[in-house]
Amino acid sequence: MGRIFEKRKYKMFARFARMSKAFNRIGREIEIAVKAGTAEPKLNPRLRMAIQNARSVNMPKDRIDAAIKRAVSKDTAGYVEVIYEGYAPHGIAILVECATDNPTRTVATVRHAFSRHNGTLGASGSIAFMFERKGVFRIAASHIPNPDEFELEMIDHGLDELVHADEDFFIYTSFHDFGKMAKALEEKRIEVTNTELQYTPTTTKELSEAEEKEVQELIDALEEDDDVQSVFTSMA
């Protein structure tokens, strides 16, 4: 009985840890969006996207409001977006997307994670050319009753690919068409579950199960850092 209780408690703490990480990540997205534009969601598409993502993970409204308030405060320096590039074991390229108020601290932590897990932190530009920036919109399948017709229609708004996975559709666009697609979906009143910008590798590399585990250990170490927003790799 005691072992079962401990297992349940561990799962509960793990769930809260993931939720806290998601809230922190989105809170920084909101602050960056406000700093880059305005605190009025109607006039700031990036802020609307961040708030939408916050709601998708059930982030409380008071935390959303607090993030906006911090961003408009003159006493808050705010976060800067930084991308670090490097290699994981077995030649896997990695991009680490960060939002930090202290780049010196962040680069030291990222470098330590690479070093500890047999990776190498590279110079700016050494890896980025191996990835493409893509916009991704997640929509419940029930909101797209006629996928073929929808796909043809959205090509005019920058659709690169429409992927059906389980109960959702994923719209992929180029970075340059991201805003155009967001506007088109808003005008068509299509509810988007989640929106993000991703770095997609132009080529991927297959690894053995043991090799994948080594790379995943580095990814996990990077994602534990609160300054890290996302980690993208060329691992298949």
C-alpha atoms as a PDB file:
ATOM      1  CA  MET A   1       0.000   0.000   0.000  1.00  0.00           C
ATOM      2  CA  GLY A   2       2.815   2.371   0.914  1.00  0.00           C
ATOM      3  CA  ARG A   3       4.601   1.683  -2.352  1.00  0.00           C
ATOM      4  CA  ILE A   4       1.430   2.424  -4.349  1.00  0.00           C
ATOM      5  CA  PHE A   5       0.985   5.704  -2.457  1.00  0.00           C
ATOM      6  CA  GLU A   6       4.579   6.718  -3.163  1.00  0.00           C
ATOM      7  CA  LYS A   7       4.129   5.900  -6.850  1.00  0.00           C
ATOM      8  CA  ARG A   8       0.969   8.006  -7.037  1.00  0.00           C
ATOM      9  CA  LYS A   9       2.680  10.852  -5.186  1.00  0.00           C
ATOM     10  CA  TYR A  10       5.616  10.726  -7.619  1.00  0.00           C
ATOM     11  CA  LYS A  11       3.262  10.883 -10.602  1.00  0.00           C
ATOM     12  CA  MET A  12       1.415  13.827  -9.036  1.00  0.00           C
ATOM     13  CA  PHE A  13       4.648  15.750  -8.413  1.00  0.00           C
ATOM     14  CA  ALA A  14       5.841  14.972 -11.968  1.00  0.00           C
ATOM     15  CA  ARG A  15       2.555  16.285 -13.387  1.00  0.00           C
ATOM     16  CA  PHE A  16       2.788  19.491 -11.344  1.00  0.00           C
ATOM     17  CA  ALA A  17       6.425  19.927 -12.404  1.00  0.00           C
ATOM     18  CA  ARG A  18       5.441  19.664 -16.088  1.00  0.00           C
ATOM     19  CA  MET A  19       2.577  22.096 -15.535  1.00  0.00           C
ATOM     20  CA  SER A  20       4.845  24.573 -13.750  1.00  0.00           C
ATOM     21  CA  LYS A  21       7.379  24.348 -16.584  1.00  0.00           C
ATOM     22  CA  ALA A  22       4.637  24.972 -19.166  1.00  0.00           C
ATOM     23  CA  PHE A  23       3.297  27.960 -17.208  1.00  0.00           C
ATOM     24  CA  ASN A  24       6.777  29.473 -16.879  1.00  0.00           C
ATOM     25  CA  ARG A  25       7.504  28.965 -20.586  1.00  0.00           C
ATOM     26  CA  ILE A  26       4.245  30.524 -21.729  1.00  0.00           C
ATOM     27  CA  GLY A  27       4.554  33.332 -19.195  1.00  0.00           C
ATOM     28  CA  ARG A  28       7.829  34.294 -20.829  1.00  0.00           C
ATOM     29  CA  GLU A  29       6.219  34.051 -24.272  1.00  0.00           C
ATOM     30  CA  ILE A  30       3.566  36.511 -23.097  1.00  0.00           C
ATOM     31  CA  GLU A  31       6.138  38.948 -21.677  1.00  0.00           C
ATOM     32  CA  ILE A  32       8.243  38.846 -24.865  1.00  0.00           C
ATOM     33  CA  ALA A  33       5.135  39.372 -27.008  1.00  0.00           C
ATOM     34  CA  VAL A  34       4.089  42.424 -24.983  1.00  0.00           C
ATOM     35  CA  LYS A  35       7.597  43.919 -25.006  1.00  0.00           C
ATOM     36  CA  ALA A  36       7.770  43.461 -28.781  1.00  0.00           C
ATOM     37  CA  GLY A  37       4.336  44.957 -29.428  1.00  0.00           C
ATOM     38  CA  THR A  38       1.531  46.063 -27.181  1.00  0.00           C
ATOM     39  CA  ALA A  39      -0.357  44.770 -24.147  1.00  0.00           C
ATOM     40  CA  GLU A  40      -3.615  44.842 -26.124  1.00  0.00           C
ATOM     41  CA  PRO A  41      -4.273  41.340 -27.563  1.00  0.00           C
ATOM     42  CA  LYS A  42      -6.503  42.689 -30.370  1.00  0.00           C
ATOM     43  CA  LEU A  43      -3.562  44.693 -31.704  1.00  0.00           C
ATOM     44  CA  ASN A  44      -0.860  42.092 -31.029  1.00  0.00           C
ATOM     45  CA  PRO A  45      -1.141  38.759 -32.939  1.00  0.00           C
ATOM     46  CA  ARG A  46       1.838  37.279 -31.126  1.00  0.00           C
ATOM     47  CA  LEU A  47       0.262  38.055 -27.758  1.00  0.00           C
ATOM     48  CA  ARG A  48      -3.024  36.498 -28.891  1.00  0.00           C
ATOM     49  CA  MET A  49      -1.115  33.369 -29.849  1.00  0.00           C
ATOM     50  CA  ALA A  50       0.634  33.214 -26.464  1.00  0.00           C
ATOM     51  CA  ILE A  51      -2.635  33.688 -24.550  1.00  0.00           C
ATOM     52  CA  GLN A  52      -4.260  31.000 -26.677  1.00  0.00           C
ATOM     53  CA  ASN A  53      -1.421  28.609 -25.799  1.00  0.00           C
ATOM     54  CA  ALA A  54      -1.785  29.526 -22.131  1.00  0.00           C
ATOM     55  CA  ARG A  55      -5.447  28.590 -22.188  1.00  0.00           C
ATOM     56  CA  SER A  56      -4.676  25.300 -23.942  1.00  0.00           C
ATOM     57  CA  VAL A  57      -2.674  24.171 -20.875  1.00  0.00           C
ATOM     58  CA  ASN A  58      -5.236  25.588 -18.432  1.00  0.00           C
ATOM     59  CA  MET A  59      -3.004  28.409 -17.234  1.00  0.00           C
ATOM     60  CA  PRO A  60      -5.028  30.494 -14.741  1.00  0.00           C
ATOM     61  CA  LYS A  61      -6.207  33.906 -15.930  1.00  0.00           C
ATOM     62  CA  ASP A  62      -4.517  35.650 -13.010  1.00  0.00           C
ATOM     63  CA  ARG A  63      -1.140  34.256 -14.120  1.00  0.00           C
ATOM     64  CA  ILE A  64      -1.753  35.430 -17.685  1.00  0.00           C
ATOM     65  CA  ASP A  65      -2.684  38.902 -16.420  1.00  0.00           C
ATOM     66  CA  ALA A  66       0.354  38.953 -14.118  1.00  0.00           C
ATOM     67  CA  ALA A  67       2.695  38.169 -17.036  1.00  0.00           C
ATOM     68  CA  ILE A  68       1.214  41.023 -19.066  1.00  0.00           C
ATOM     69  CA  LYS A  69       1.510  43.374 -16.090  1.00  0.00           C
ATOM     70  CA  ARG A  70       5.186  42.444 -15.576  1.00  0.00           C
ATOM     71  CA  ALA A  71       5.918  43.130 -19.213  1.00  0.00           C
ATOM     72  CA  VAL A  72       4.474  46.654 -19.161  1.00  0.00           C
ATOM     73  CA  SER A  73       6.177  47.536 -15.880  1.00  0.00           C
ATOM     74  CA  LYS A  74       9.078  49.956 -16.313  1.00  0.00           C
ATOM     75  CA  ASP A  75      10.857  48.170 -13.468  1.00  0.00           C
ATOM     76  CA  THR A  76      11.008  44.898 -15.403  1.00  0.00           C
ATOM     77  CA  ALA A  77      13.965  44.475 -17.746  1.00  0.00           C
ATOM     78  CA  GLY A  78      12.234  41.647 -19.565  1.00  0.00           C
ATOM     79  CA  TYR A  79      13.515  38.615 -21.398  1.00  0.00           C
ATOM     80  CA  VAL A  80      15.592  38.316 -24.534  1.00  0.00           C
ATOM     81  CA  GLU A  81      15.343  35.443 -26.992  1.00  0.00           C
ATOM     82  CA  VAL A  82      18.583  33.550 -27.575  1.00  0.00           C
ATOM     83  CA  ILE A  83      19.305  30.455 -29.645  1.00  0.00           C
ATOM     84  CA  TYR A  84      22.240  28.155 -28.894  1.00  0.00           C
ATOM     85  CA  GLU A  85      23.502  25.613 -31.399  1.00  0.00           C
ATOM     86  CA  GLY A  86      25.485  22.437 -30.969  1.00  0.00           C
ATOM     87  CA  TYR A  87      25.851  18.721 -31.478  1.00  0.00           C
ATOM     88  CA  ALA A  88      24.583  15.902 -29.320  1.00  0.00           C
ATOM     89  CA  PRO A  89      26.335  12.519 -29.355  1.00  0.00           C
ATOM     90  CA  HIS A  90      26.330  10.611 -32.698  1.00  0.00           C
ATOM     91  CA  GLY A  91      26.317  13.775 -34.810  1.00  0.00           C
ATOM     92  CA  ILE A  92      22.792  14.923 -33.957  1.00  0.00           C
ATOM     93  CA  ALA A  93      22.319  18.666 -34.520  1.00  0.00           C
ATOM     94  CA  ILE A  94      20.534  20.565 -31.746  1.00  0.00           C
ATOM     95  CA  LEU A  95      18.989  24.033 -31.531  1.00  0.00           C
ATOM     96  CA  VAL A  96      18.167  25.310 -28.043  1.00  0.00           C
ATOM     97  CA  GLU A  97      15.632  28.156 -27.948  1.00  0.00           C
ATOM     98  CA  CYS A  98      15.857  30.218 -24.752  1.00  0.00           C
ATOM     99  CA  ALA A  99      14.157  33.211 -23.157  1.00  0.00           C
ATOM    100  CA  THR A 100      16.378  34.725 -20.490  1.00  0.00           C
ATOM    101  CA  ASP A 101      16.951  37.812 -18.394  1.00  0.00           C
ATOM    102  CA  ASN A 102      20.596  36.770 -17.895  1.00  0.00           C
ATOM    103  CA  PRO A 103      22.299  35.377 -21.043  1.00  0.00           C
ATOM    104  CA  THR A 104      25.575  34.857 -19.176  1.00  0.00           C
ATOM    105  CA  ARG A 105      23.881  32.491 -16.751  1.00  0.00           C
ATOM    106  CA  THR A 106      21.971  30.732 -19.494  1.00  0.00           C
ATOM    107  CA  VAL A 107      24.903  30.034 -21.811  1.00  0.00           C
ATOM    108  CA  ALA A 108      26.883  28.624 -18.866  1.00  0.00           C
ATOM    109  CA  THR A 109      24.049  26.248 -17.986  1.00  0.00           C
ATOM    110  CA  VAL A 110      23.534  25.176 -21.606  1.00  0.00           C
ATOM    111  CA  ARG A 111      27.284  24.631 -22.126  1.00  0.00           C
ATOM    112  CA  HIS A 112      27.431  22.517 -18.957  1.00  0.00           C
ATOM    113  CA  ALA A 113      24.548  20.317 -20.165  1.00  0.00           C
ATOM    114  CA  PHE A 114      26.259  19.728 -23.530  1.00  0.00           C
ATOM    115  CA  SER A 115      29.596  18.954 -21.883  1.00  0.00           C
ATOM    116  CA  ARG A 116      28.114  16.636 -19.262  1.00  0.00           C
ATOM    117  CA  HIS A 117      26.273  14.569 -21.881  1.00  0.00           C
ATOM    118  CA  ASN A 118      29.074  14.223 -24.457  1.00  0.00           C
ATOM    119  CA  GLY A 119      27.816  17.012 -26.685  1.00  0.00           C
ATOM    120  CA  THR A 120      29.479  20.121 -28.084  1.00  0.00           C
ATOM    121  CA  LEU A 121      28.169  23.683 -27.983  1.00  0.00           C
ATOM    122  CA  GLY A 122      28.908  25.369 -31.312  1.00  0.00           C
ATOM    123  CA  ALA A 123      29.196  28.908 -32.611  1.00  0.00           C
ATOM    124  CA  SER A 124      26.215  30.916 -33.819  1.00  0.00           C
ATOM    125  CA  GLY A 125      25.294  29.853 -37.344  1.00  0.00           C
ATOM    126  CA  SER A 126      27.085  26.504 -37.184  1.00  0.00           C
ATOM    127  CA  ILE A 127      23.836  24.483 -37.005  1.00  0.00           C
ATOM    128  CA  ALA A 128      20.939  26.810 -37.848  1.00  0.00           C
ATOM    129  CA  PHE A 129      21.313  26.360 -41.627  1.00  0.00           C
ATOM    130  CA  MET A 130      20.288  22.699 -41.139  1.00  0.00           C
ATOM    131  CA  PHE A 131      16.818  23.735 -39.940  1.00  0.00           C
ATOM    132  CA  GLU A 132      13.837  25.582 -41.406  1.00  0.00           C
ATOM    133  CA  ARG A 133      11.596  27.849 -39.318  1.00  0.00           C
ATOM    134  CA  LYS A 134       8.006  26.665 -39.563  1.00  0.00           C
ATOM    135  CA  GLY A 135       4.716  27.852 -38.153  1.00  0.00           C
ATOM    136  CA  VAL A 136       2.505  25.100 -36.721  1.00  0.00           C
ATOM    137  CA  PHE A 137      -1.205  25.396 -35.935  1.00  0.00           C
ATOM    138  CA  ARG A 138      -3.024  22.601 -34.120  1.00  0.00           C
ATOM    139  CA  ILE A 139      -6.769  22.312 -34.790  1.00  0.00           C
ATOM    140  CA  ALA A 140      -9.275  19.740 -33.565  1.00  0.00           C
ATOM    141  CA  ALA A 141     -10.350  17.482 -36.441  1.00  0.00           C
ATOM    142  CA  SER A 142     -13.987  18.216 -35.653  1.00  0.00           C
ATOM    143  CA  HIS A 143     -13.414  21.841 -36.748  1.00  0.00           C
ATOM    144  CA  ILE A 144     -12.379  20.748 -40.253  1.00  0.00           C
ATOM    145  CA  PRO A 145     -15.275  18.642 -41.616  1.00  0.00           C
ATOM    146  CA  ASN A 146     -13.947  18.666 -45.196  1.00  0.00           C
ATOM    147  CA  PRO A 147     -10.125  18.387 -45.086  1.00  0.00           C
ATOM    148  CA  ASP A 148      -9.609  18.235 -48.875  1.00  0.00           C
ATOM    149  CA  GLU A 149     -11.598  21.412 -49.473  1.00  0.00           C
ATOM    150  CA  PHE A 150      -9.944  23.111 -46.500  1.00  0.00           C
ATOM    151  CA  GLU A 151      -6.459  22.183 -47.732  1.00  0.00           C
ATOM    152  CA  LEU A 152      -7.066  23.627 -51.201  1.00  0.00           C
ATOM    153  CA  GLU A 153      -8.495  26.804 -49.710  1.00  0.00           C
ATOM    154  CA  MET A 154      -5.626  27.353 -47.251  1.00  0.00           C
ATOM    155  CA  ILE A 155      -2.886  26.958 -49.876  1.00  0.00           C
ATOM    156  CA  ASP A 156      -3.625  30.567 -50.836  1.00  0.00           C
ATOM    157  CA  HIS A 157      -2.826  31.577 -47.247  1.00  0.00           C
ATOM    158  CA  GLY A 158       0.566  29.883 -47.078  1.00  0.00           C
ATOM    159  CA  LEU A 159      -0.267  26.257 -46.282  1.00  0.00           C
ATOM    160  CA  ASP A 160       2.771  24.005 -46.823  1.00  0.00           C
ATOM    161  CA  GLU A 161       1.335  20.808 -45.390  1.00  0.00           C
ATOM    162  CA  LEU A 162      -1.798  19.569 -43.620  1.00  0.00           C
ATOM    163  CA  VAL A 163      -1.179  16.552 -41.377  1.00  0.00           C
ATOM    164  CA  HIS A 164      -3.889  14.468 -39.698  1.00  0.00           C
ATOM    165  CA  ALA A 165      -2.788  12.869 -36.424  1.00  0.00           C
ATOM    166  CA  ASP A 166      -5.268  11.160 -34.081  1.00  0.00           C
ATOM    167  CA  GLU A 167      -8.021  13.706 -33.342  1.00  0.00           C
ATOM    168  CA  ASP A 168      -6.168  16.778 -34.607  1.00  0.00           C
ATOM    169  CA  PHE A 169      -4.979  18.438 -37.785  1.00  0.00           C
ATOM    170  CA  PHE A 170      -1.620  20.211 -37.915  1.00  0.00           C
ATOM    171  CA  ILE A 171      -1.107  23.068 -40.360  1.00  0.00           C
ATOM    172  CA  TYR A 172       2.496  23.772 -41.358  1.00  0.00           C
ATOM    173  CA  THR A 173       3.521  27.073 -42.949  1.00  0.00           C
ATOM    174  CA  SER A 174       6.792  28.821 -43.681  1.00  0.00           C
ATOM    175  CA  PHE A 175       7.913  31.397 -41.121  1.00  0.00           C
ATOM    176  CA  HIS A 176       7.129  34.190 -43.599  1.00  0.00           C
ATOM    177  CA  ASP A 177       3.535  32.980 -44.058  1.00  0.00           C
ATOM    178  CA  PHE A 178       2.903  32.445 -40.355  1.00  0.00           C
ATOM    179  CA  GLY A 179       1.122  35.771 -39.815  1.00  0.00           C
ATOM    180  CA  LYS A 180      -0.932  35.397 -42.983  1.00  0.00           C
ATOM    181  CA  MET A 181      -2.150  31.939 -41.898  1.00  0.00           C
ATOM    182  CA  ALA A 182      -2.958  33.151 -38.381  1.00  0.00           C
ATOM    183  CA  LYS A 183      -5.036  35.988 -39.804  1.00  0.00           C
ATOM    184  CA  ALA A 184      -6.861  33.658 -42.223  1.00  0.00           C
ATOM    185  CA  LEU A 185      -7.799  31.227 -39.450  1.00  0.00           C
ATOM    186  CA  GLU A 186      -9.035  34.098 -37.277  1.00  0.00           C
ATOM    187  CA  GLU A 187     -11.165  35.494 -40.100  1.00  0.00           C
ATOM    188  CA  LYS A 188     -12.672  32.061 -40.727  1.00  0.00           C
ATOM    189  CA  ARG A 189     -13.334  31.733 -36.978  1.00  0.00           C
ATOM    190  CA  ILE A 190     -11.547  28.399 -36.839  1.00  0.00           C
ATOM    191  CA  GLU A 191     -10.566  27.638 -33.260  1.00  0.00           C
ATOM    192  CA  VAL A 192      -6.861  26.834 -32.921  1.00  0.00           C
ATOM    193  CA  THR A 193      -5.847  24.636 -29.992  1.00  0.00           C
ATOM    194  CA  ASN A 194      -2.165  25.514 -30.031  1.00  0.00           C
ATOM    195  CA  THR A 195       0.189  27.633 -32.129  1.00  0.00           C
ATOM    196  CA  GLU A 196       3.967  27.695 -32.229  1.00  0.00           C
ATOM    197  CA  LEU A 197       7.039  28.379 -34.288  1.00  0.00           C
ATOM    198  CA  GLN A 198       9.281  25.356 -34.707  1.00  0.00           C
ATOM    199  CA  TYR A 199      12.672  24.635 -36.207  1.00  0.00           C
ATOM    200  CA  THR A 200      12.290  21.644 -38.516  1.00  0.00           C
ATOM    201  CA  PRO A 201      15.427  19.769 -39.640  1.00  0.00           C
ATOM    202  CA  THR A 202      15.966  19.607 -43.406  1.00  0.00           C
ATOM    203  CA  THR A 203      17.443  16.107 -42.972  1.00  0.00           C
ATOM    204  CA  THR A 204      17.203  13.646 -40.100  1.00  0.00           C
ATOM    205  CA  LYS A 205      19.401  10.845 -38.831  1.00  0.00           C
ATOM    206  CA  GLU A 206      18.324   7.392 -37.672  1.00  0.00           C
ATOM    207  CA  LEU A 207      19.866   6.111 -34.447  1.00  0.00           C
ATOM    208  CA  SER A 208      19.813   2.850 -32.562  1.00  0.00           C
ATOM    209  CA  GLU A 209      17.737   2.634 -29.393  1.00  0.00           C
ATOM    210  CA  ALA A 210      20.837   2.954 -27.216  1.00  0.00           C
ATOM    211  CA  GLU A 211      22.064   5.976 -29.194  1.00  0.00           C
ATOM    212  CA  GLU A 212      18.637   7.640 -28.991  1.00  0.00           C
ATOM    213  CA  LYS A 213      18.750   7.231 -25.219  1.00  0.00           C
ATOM    214  CA  GLU A 214      22.067   9.108 -25.048  1.00  0.00           C
ATOM    215  CA  VAL A 215      20.706  11.995 -27.100  1.00  0.00           C
ATOM    216  CA  GLN A 216      17.485  12.076 -25.066  1.00  0.00           C
ATOM    217  CA  GLU A 217      19.490  12.417 -21.852  1.00  0.00           C
ATOM    218  CA  LEU A 218      21.002  15.650 -23.215  1.00  0.00           C
ATOM    219  CA  ILE A 219      17.578  16.895 -24.345  1.00  0.00           C
ATOM    220  CA  ASP A 220      16.118  16.175 -20.903  1.00  0.00           C
ATOM    221  CA  ALA A 221      18.990  18.008 -19.183  1.00  0.00           C
ATOM    222  CA  LEU A 222      18.478  21.060 -21.393  1.00  0.00           C
ATOM    223  CA  GLU A 223      14.714  21.100 -20.891  1.00  0.00           C
ATOM    224  CA  GLU A 224      15.148  21.066 -17.107  1.00  0.00           C
ATOM    225  CA  ASP A 225      16.580  24.591 -17.336  1.00  0.00           C
ATOM    226  CA  ASP A 226      13.851  27.196 -16.782  1.00  0.00           C
ATOM    227  CA  ASP A 227      15.490  29.467 -19.371  1.00  0.00           C
ATOM    228  CA  VAL A 228      15.034  26.859 -22.117  1.00  0.00           C
ATOM    229  CA  GLN A 229      11.812  27.260 -24.092  1.00  0.00           C
ATOM    230  CA  SER A 230      12.229  24.505 -26.704  1.00  0.00           C
ATOM    231  CA  VAL A 231      14.800  22.020 -27.988  1.00  0.00           C
ATOM    232  CA  PHE A 232      14.892  20.962 -31.656  1.00  0.00           C
ATOM    233  CA  THR A 233      17.018  18.143 -33.071  1.00  0.00           C
ATOM    234  CA  SER A 234      17.843  16.337 -36.307  1.00  0.00           C
ATOM    235  CA  MET A 235      17.161  12.958 -34.707  1.00  0.00           C
ATOM    236  CA  ALA A 236      14.614  10.930 -36.690  1.00  0.00           C
END
